């Protein structure tokens, strides 16, 4: 059985009060996966879209860092490729240091290696935490 995960991004204090971005879908061939595998697949797809210059697709979890950002600045003439493995490592680190958390359905997952049973209606929400101003 294959399953399609619907992935949503939310920024802010929570899923009710935060700002949501359009959903993306990822297809999985297995009935089970882990949070780590979801993050890896998501990052791979986003970097693939960026590297193939699909400007209509939003960058969500992946954003060029340091030299990559400078090379991809609006004044840059050549579109530079982003290393998906470096972005994957940054995303995994971000999860581990609580820069964002992941909800599967309405349940927060806390371990990268937690097994998740997939169904046709599995929704995954990435909630990016935003630092408080002045705090």
N, C-alpha and C. Protein backbone atom coordinates (compact mmCIF):
# COMPACT_ATOMS: atom_id res chain seq x y z
N UNK A 1 0.84 -1.18 0.00
CA UNK A 1 0.00 0.00 0.00
C UNK A 1 0.88 1.24 0.00
N UNK A 2 0.52 2.22 -0.77
CA UNK A 2 1.23 3.49 -0.72
C UNK A 2 0.35 4.50 0.00
N UNK A 3 1.00 5.50 0.57
CA UNK A 3 0.26 6.53 1.30
C UNK A 3 0.80 7.89 0.88
N UNK A 4 -0.08 8.87 0.89
CA UNK A 4 0.30 10.24 0.60
C UNK A 4 0.16 11.05 1.88
N UNK A 5 1.27 11.62 2.31
CA UNK A 5 1.24 12.50 3.47
C UNK A 5 0.94 13.91 3.01
N UNK A 6 0.05 14.56 3.70
CA UNK A 6 -0.20 15.98 3.46
C UNK A 6 0.59 16.73 4.53
N UNK A 7 1.50 17.58 4.08
CA UNK A 7 2.37 18.30 5.00
C UNK A 7 2.00 19.77 4.99
N UNK A 8 1.81 20.30 6.17
CA UNK A 8 1.48 21.72 6.34
C UNK A 8 2.54 22.36 7.21
N UNK A 9 2.78 23.63 6.98
CA UNK A 9 3.69 24.42 7.80
C UNK A 9 2.90 25.48 8.52
N UNK A 10 3.23 25.70 9.76
CA UNK A 10 2.59 26.74 10.55
C UNK A 10 3.70 27.46 11.30
N UNK A 11 3.62 28.78 11.33
CA UNK A 11 4.54 29.57 12.15
C UNK A 11 3.72 30.32 13.18
N UNK A 12 4.29 30.58 14.30
CA UNK A 12 3.60 31.33 15.34
C UNK A 12 3.43 30.51 16.58
N UNK A 13 2.45 30.89 17.38
CA UNK A 13 2.26 30.29 18.69
C UNK A 13 1.61 28.92 18.61
N UNK A 14 0.98 28.58 17.53
CA UNK A 14 0.32 27.28 17.44
C UNK A 14 -0.46 27.15 16.16
N UNK A 15 -1.04 25.99 15.96
CA UNK A 15 -1.73 25.74 14.69
C UNK A 15 -2.99 26.58 14.53
N UNK A 16 -3.59 27.04 15.65
CA UNK A 16 -4.81 27.85 15.52
C UNK A 16 -4.50 29.32 15.30
N UNK A 17 -3.41 29.82 15.92
CA UNK A 17 -3.13 31.24 15.83
C UNK A 17 -2.00 31.58 14.87
N UNK A 18 -1.30 30.58 14.36
CA UNK A 18 -0.16 30.84 13.50
C UNK A 18 -0.55 31.07 12.07
N UNK A 19 0.45 31.33 11.25
CA UNK A 19 0.25 31.56 9.83
C UNK A 19 0.60 30.28 9.09
N UNK A 20 -0.31 29.78 8.29
CA UNK A 20 -0.10 28.53 7.56
C UNK A 20 0.33 28.83 6.12
N UNK A 21 1.15 27.93 5.57
CA UNK A 21 1.53 28.01 4.17
C UNK A 21 0.76 26.94 3.41
N UNK A 22 0.73 27.01 2.09
CA UNK A 22 0.03 25.98 1.33
C UNK A 22 0.62 24.59 1.62
N UNK A 23 -0.22 23.58 1.53
CA UNK A 23 0.20 22.21 1.83
C UNK A 23 1.03 21.64 0.68
N UNK A 24 1.87 20.68 1.03
CA UNK A 24 2.59 19.91 0.03
C UNK A 24 2.29 18.45 0.30
N UNK A 25 2.47 17.61 -0.70
CA UNK A 25 2.20 16.18 -0.55
C UNK A 25 3.46 15.38 -0.83
N UNK A 26 3.64 14.31 -0.05
CA UNK A 26 4.74 13.37 -0.28
C UNK A 26 4.16 11.97 -0.33
N UNK A 27 4.55 11.20 -1.33
CA UNK A 27 4.10 9.83 -1.46
C UNK A 27 5.12 8.89 -0.83
N UNK A 28 4.62 7.93 -0.06
CA UNK A 28 5.46 6.91 0.56
C UNK A 28 4.94 5.54 0.13
N UNK A 29 5.85 4.62 -0.14
CA UNK A 29 5.47 3.28 -0.57
C UNK A 29 5.20 2.35 0.61
N UNK A 30 5.75 2.68 1.77
CA UNK A 30 5.60 1.82 2.95
C UNK A 30 4.45 2.27 3.83
N UNK A 31 3.98 1.36 4.66
CA UNK A 31 2.90 1.68 5.60
C UNK A 31 3.41 2.33 6.86
N UNK A 32 4.72 2.26 7.10
CA UNK A 32 5.32 2.88 8.26
C UNK A 32 6.54 3.68 7.84
N UNK A 33 6.80 4.73 8.60
CA UNK A 33 7.98 5.54 8.38
C UNK A 33 8.37 6.16 9.71
N UNK A 34 9.43 6.95 9.70
CA UNK A 34 9.85 7.65 10.91
C UNK A 34 9.82 9.15 10.66
N UNK A 35 9.89 9.92 11.73
CA UNK A 35 9.95 11.37 11.60
C UNK A 35 11.20 11.75 10.81
N UNK A 36 12.32 11.07 11.09
CA UNK A 36 13.56 11.34 10.36
C UNK A 36 13.36 11.16 8.85
N UNK A 37 12.70 10.08 8.45
CA UNK A 37 12.47 9.82 7.03
C UNK A 37 11.55 10.87 6.41
N UNK A 38 10.57 11.34 7.16
CA UNK A 38 9.67 12.39 6.65
C UNK A 38 10.46 13.67 6.42
N UNK A 39 11.29 14.05 7.40
CA UNK A 39 12.10 15.26 7.27
C UNK A 39 13.05 15.12 6.08
N UNK A 40 13.72 13.98 5.98
CA UNK A 40 14.66 13.76 4.87
C UNK A 40 13.96 13.85 3.52
N UNK A 41 12.81 13.20 3.37
CA UNK A 41 12.08 13.25 2.10
C UNK A 41 11.63 14.65 1.76
N UNK A 42 11.14 15.34 2.79
CA UNK A 42 10.67 16.70 2.57
C UNK A 42 11.80 17.61 2.12
N UNK A 43 12.94 17.54 2.82
CA UNK A 43 14.09 18.37 2.46
C UNK A 43 14.57 18.02 1.06
N UNK A 44 14.65 16.74 0.75
CA UNK A 44 15.09 16.33 -0.58
C UNK A 44 14.20 16.93 -1.66
N UNK A 45 12.89 16.85 -1.48
CA UNK A 45 11.95 17.39 -2.47
C UNK A 45 12.08 18.90 -2.61
N UNK A 46 12.22 19.61 -1.49
CA UNK A 46 12.35 21.06 -1.55
C UNK A 46 13.64 21.49 -2.23
N UNK A 47 14.74 20.81 -1.92
CA UNK A 47 16.02 21.14 -2.55
C UNK A 47 15.96 20.80 -4.04
N UNK A 48 15.35 19.68 -4.37
CA UNK A 48 15.20 19.31 -5.78
C UNK A 48 14.44 20.41 -6.53
N UNK A 49 13.34 20.88 -5.95
CA UNK A 49 12.57 21.95 -6.58
C UNK A 49 13.40 23.21 -6.73
N UNK A 50 14.14 23.57 -5.69
CA UNK A 50 14.99 24.77 -5.75
C UNK A 50 16.07 24.61 -6.83
N UNK A 51 16.74 23.47 -6.83
CA UNK A 51 17.85 23.25 -7.76
C UNK A 51 17.38 23.18 -9.21
N UNK A 52 16.13 22.88 -9.42
CA UNK A 52 15.59 22.85 -10.77
C UNK A 52 14.80 24.11 -11.09
N UNK A 53 15.06 25.14 -10.29
CA UNK A 53 14.52 26.49 -10.53
C UNK A 53 13.03 26.51 -10.77
N UNK A 54 12.30 26.02 -9.81
CA UNK A 54 10.84 26.07 -9.87
C UNK A 54 10.38 27.19 -8.94
N UNK A 55 10.41 28.42 -9.41
CA UNK A 55 10.13 29.56 -8.53
C UNK A 55 8.72 29.62 -7.99
N UNK A 56 7.79 28.90 -8.59
CA UNK A 56 6.41 28.97 -8.10
C UNK A 56 6.23 28.17 -6.81
N UNK A 57 7.17 27.29 -6.51
CA UNK A 57 7.07 26.49 -5.29
C UNK A 57 7.73 27.23 -4.14
N UNK A 58 7.06 27.26 -3.01
CA UNK A 58 7.60 27.96 -1.84
C UNK A 58 8.66 27.14 -1.17
N UNK A 59 9.71 27.80 -0.68
CA UNK A 59 10.68 27.14 0.16
C UNK A 59 10.14 27.19 1.57
N UNK A 60 10.05 26.06 2.20
CA UNK A 60 9.45 26.02 3.52
C UNK A 60 10.50 25.70 4.58
N UNK A 61 10.88 24.45 4.69
CA UNK A 61 11.82 24.03 5.71
C UNK A 61 13.25 24.34 5.28
N UNK A 62 13.50 24.32 3.99
CA UNK A 62 14.83 24.51 3.45
C UNK A 62 15.07 25.97 3.10
N UNK A 63 16.19 26.49 3.56
CA UNK A 63 16.59 27.82 3.13
C UNK A 63 18.09 27.85 3.03
N UNK A 64 18.62 28.40 1.96
CA UNK A 64 20.06 28.45 1.82
C UNK A 64 20.69 29.20 2.99
N UNK A 65 21.85 28.74 3.42
CA UNK A 65 22.54 29.36 4.55
C UNK A 65 23.85 29.96 4.09
N UNK A 66 24.28 31.01 4.77
CA UNK A 66 25.59 31.59 4.57
C UNK A 66 25.94 31.84 3.12
N UNK A 67 26.97 31.13 2.66
CA UNK A 67 27.47 31.32 1.29
C UNK A 67 26.40 30.97 0.26
N UNK A 68 25.57 29.94 0.55
CA UNK A 68 24.52 29.56 -0.39
C UNK A 68 23.54 30.71 -0.57
N UNK A 69 23.18 31.38 0.53
CA UNK A 69 22.23 32.49 0.45
C UNK A 69 22.84 33.64 -0.35
N UNK A 70 24.11 33.95 -0.11
CA UNK A 70 24.77 35.02 -0.84
C UNK A 70 24.84 34.71 -2.33
N UNK A 71 25.12 33.46 -2.65
CA UNK A 71 25.22 33.08 -4.06
C UNK A 71 23.87 33.10 -4.76
N UNK A 72 22.79 32.91 -4.00
CA UNK A 72 21.45 32.91 -4.58
C UNK A 72 20.71 34.23 -4.39
N UNK A 73 21.42 35.25 -3.97
CA UNK A 73 20.81 36.56 -3.77
C UNK A 73 20.26 37.07 -5.10
N UNK A 74 19.28 37.99 -5.05
CA UNK A 74 18.67 38.48 -6.29
C UNK A 74 19.68 39.03 -7.30
N UNK A 75 20.79 39.56 -6.81
CA UNK A 75 21.76 40.14 -7.75
C UNK A 75 22.64 39.07 -8.42
N UNK A 76 22.59 37.85 -7.90
CA UNK A 76 23.39 36.77 -8.50
C UNK A 76 22.84 36.46 -9.89
N UNK A 77 23.74 36.26 -10.83
CA UNK A 77 23.31 36.01 -12.20
C UNK A 77 23.04 34.54 -12.46
N UNK A 78 23.71 33.68 -11.74
CA UNK A 78 23.58 32.25 -11.97
C UNK A 78 22.89 31.59 -10.78
N UNK A 79 21.92 30.76 -11.05
CA UNK A 79 21.21 30.03 -10.00
C UNK A 79 22.14 28.94 -9.47
N UNK A 80 22.43 28.97 -8.19
CA UNK A 80 23.34 28.00 -7.59
C UNK A 80 22.59 26.83 -6.99
N UNK A 81 23.22 25.69 -7.03
CA UNK A 81 22.65 24.48 -6.48
C UNK A 81 22.84 24.44 -4.96
N UNK A 82 21.86 23.90 -4.26
CA UNK A 82 21.92 23.73 -2.82
C UNK A 82 22.20 22.25 -2.55
N UNK A 83 23.04 21.98 -1.58
CA UNK A 83 23.38 20.62 -1.18
C UNK A 83 22.28 20.07 -0.28
N UNK A 84 21.55 19.08 -0.76
CA UNK A 84 20.41 18.57 -0.01
C UNK A 84 20.83 17.90 1.30
N UNK A 85 22.00 17.27 1.31
CA UNK A 85 22.43 16.60 2.54
C UNK A 85 22.79 17.60 3.63
N UNK A 86 23.37 18.72 3.26
CA UNK A 86 23.66 19.77 4.25
C UNK A 86 22.35 20.35 4.79
N UNK A 87 21.37 20.54 3.91
CA UNK A 87 20.06 21.04 4.35
C UNK A 87 19.35 20.02 5.24
N UNK A 88 19.48 18.75 4.89
CA UNK A 88 18.91 17.69 5.73
C UNK A 88 19.50 17.72 7.13
N UNK A 89 20.83 17.86 7.19
CA UNK A 89 21.49 17.90 8.49
C UNK A 89 21.04 19.10 9.31
N UNK A 90 20.86 20.25 8.66
CA UNK A 90 20.36 21.45 9.35
C UNK A 90 18.94 21.24 9.85
N UNK A 91 18.10 20.60 9.07
CA UNK A 91 16.71 20.35 9.48
C UNK A 91 16.66 19.38 10.65
N UNK A 92 17.46 18.32 10.60
CA UNK A 92 17.50 17.35 11.71
C UNK A 92 17.98 18.05 12.98
N UNK A 93 19.02 18.86 12.85
CA UNK A 93 19.53 19.63 14.00
C UNK A 93 18.46 20.58 14.53
N UNK A 94 17.73 21.23 13.63
CA UNK A 94 16.65 22.12 14.04
C UNK A 94 15.57 21.40 14.83
N UNK A 95 15.23 20.20 14.41
CA UNK A 95 14.24 19.41 15.15
C UNK A 95 14.78 19.08 16.54
N UNK A 96 16.05 18.69 16.61
CA UNK A 96 16.64 18.29 17.89
C UNK A 96 16.78 19.46 18.86
N UNK A 97 16.96 20.66 18.35
CA UNK A 97 17.10 21.82 19.25
C UNK A 97 15.79 22.61 19.38
N UNK A 98 14.70 22.00 18.94
CA UNK A 98 13.35 22.56 19.09
C UNK A 98 13.13 23.86 18.32
N UNK A 99 13.76 24.01 17.17
CA UNK A 99 13.48 25.16 16.31
C UNK A 99 12.10 25.01 15.67
N UNK A 100 11.65 23.77 15.55
CA UNK A 100 10.30 23.46 15.09
C UNK A 100 9.91 22.13 15.70
N UNK A 101 8.62 21.89 15.75
CA UNK A 101 8.17 20.57 16.18
C UNK A 101 7.20 20.01 15.17
N UNK A 102 6.94 18.73 15.28
CA UNK A 102 6.15 18.02 14.27
C UNK A 102 4.93 17.39 14.93
N UNK A 103 3.78 17.62 14.32
CA UNK A 103 2.54 16.99 14.74
C UNK A 103 2.14 15.98 13.67
N UNK A 104 1.79 14.78 14.09
CA UNK A 104 1.22 13.79 13.18
C UNK A 104 -0.22 13.65 13.63
N UNK A 105 -1.13 14.10 12.78
CA UNK A 105 -2.52 14.22 13.21
C UNK A 105 -2.56 15.31 14.27
N UNK A 106 -3.04 14.98 15.46
CA UNK A 106 -3.07 15.97 16.53
C UNK A 106 -2.08 15.63 17.65
N UNK A 107 -1.13 14.73 17.36
CA UNK A 107 -0.17 14.27 18.36
C UNK A 107 1.23 14.75 18.02
N UNK A 108 1.90 15.35 19.00
CA UNK A 108 3.28 15.80 18.79
C UNK A 108 4.22 14.60 18.90
N UNK A 109 5.13 14.50 17.93
CA UNK A 109 6.15 13.46 17.98
C UNK A 109 7.44 14.09 18.49
N UNK A 110 8.18 13.37 19.32
CA UNK A 110 9.34 13.96 19.98
C UNK A 110 10.65 13.28 19.62
N UNK A 111 10.59 12.16 18.92
CA UNK A 111 11.80 11.42 18.58
C UNK A 111 11.92 11.29 17.07
N UNK A 112 13.12 11.46 16.55
CA UNK A 112 13.35 11.31 15.12
C UNK A 112 13.08 9.89 14.65
N UNK A 113 13.29 8.92 15.53
CA UNK A 113 13.15 7.53 15.14
C UNK A 113 11.81 6.91 15.53
N UNK A 114 10.87 7.76 15.96
CA UNK A 114 9.54 7.27 16.30
C UNK A 114 8.86 6.75 15.04
N UNK A 115 8.29 5.54 15.13
CA UNK A 115 7.61 4.92 14.01
C UNK A 115 6.21 5.52 13.87
N UNK A 116 5.84 5.83 12.64
CA UNK A 116 4.53 6.41 12.36
C UNK A 116 3.83 5.51 11.36
N UNK A 117 2.65 5.09 11.71
CA UNK A 117 1.83 4.27 10.82
C UNK A 117 1.08 5.20 9.87
N UNK A 118 1.24 4.98 8.58
CA UNK A 118 0.64 5.85 7.58
C UNK A 118 -0.71 5.32 7.14
N UNK A 119 -1.60 6.25 6.86
CA UNK A 119 -2.89 5.91 6.28
C UNK A 119 -3.12 6.87 5.12
N UNK A 120 -4.24 6.72 4.47
CA UNK A 120 -4.53 7.61 3.34
C UNK A 120 -4.82 9.04 3.79
N UNK A 121 -5.08 9.23 5.08
CA UNK A 121 -5.45 10.55 5.57
C UNK A 121 -4.45 11.12 6.58
N UNK A 122 -3.22 10.64 6.59
CA UNK A 122 -2.23 11.12 7.54
C UNK A 122 -1.81 12.55 7.20
N UNK A 123 -1.94 13.43 8.18
CA UNK A 123 -1.49 14.82 8.02
C UNK A 123 -0.33 15.07 8.97
N UNK A 124 0.67 15.75 8.46
CA UNK A 124 1.85 16.11 9.25
C UNK A 124 1.97 17.62 9.22
N UNK A 125 2.10 18.21 10.40
CA UNK A 125 2.24 19.66 10.50
C UNK A 125 3.59 19.99 11.12
N UNK A 126 4.34 20.84 10.44
CA UNK A 126 5.59 21.35 10.97
C UNK A 126 5.29 22.72 11.56
N UNK A 127 5.54 22.88 12.85
CA UNK A 127 5.28 24.13 13.54
C UNK A 127 6.62 24.78 13.85
N UNK A 128 6.89 25.88 13.16
CA UNK A 128 8.14 26.60 13.36
C UNK A 128 7.92 27.61 14.48
N UNK A 129 8.79 27.55 15.47
CA UNK A 129 8.69 28.46 16.60
C UNK A 129 9.34 29.79 16.25
N UNK A 130 8.68 30.86 16.63
CA UNK A 130 9.15 32.21 16.32
C UNK A 130 9.55 32.87 17.64
N UNK A 131 10.81 33.36 17.74
CA UNK A 131 11.23 34.01 18.98
C UNK A 131 10.38 35.24 19.28
N UNK A 132 10.13 35.47 20.56
CA UNK A 132 9.37 36.63 20.98
C UNK A 132 10.22 37.88 20.83
N UNK A 133 9.59 38.97 20.42
CA UNK A 133 10.28 40.23 20.29
C UNK A 133 10.56 40.78 21.68
N UNK A 134 11.80 41.15 21.91
CA UNK A 134 12.17 41.72 23.21
C UNK A 134 12.37 40.69 24.30
N UNK A 135 12.24 39.41 23.96
CA UNK A 135 12.36 38.37 24.99
C UNK A 135 13.48 37.52 24.72
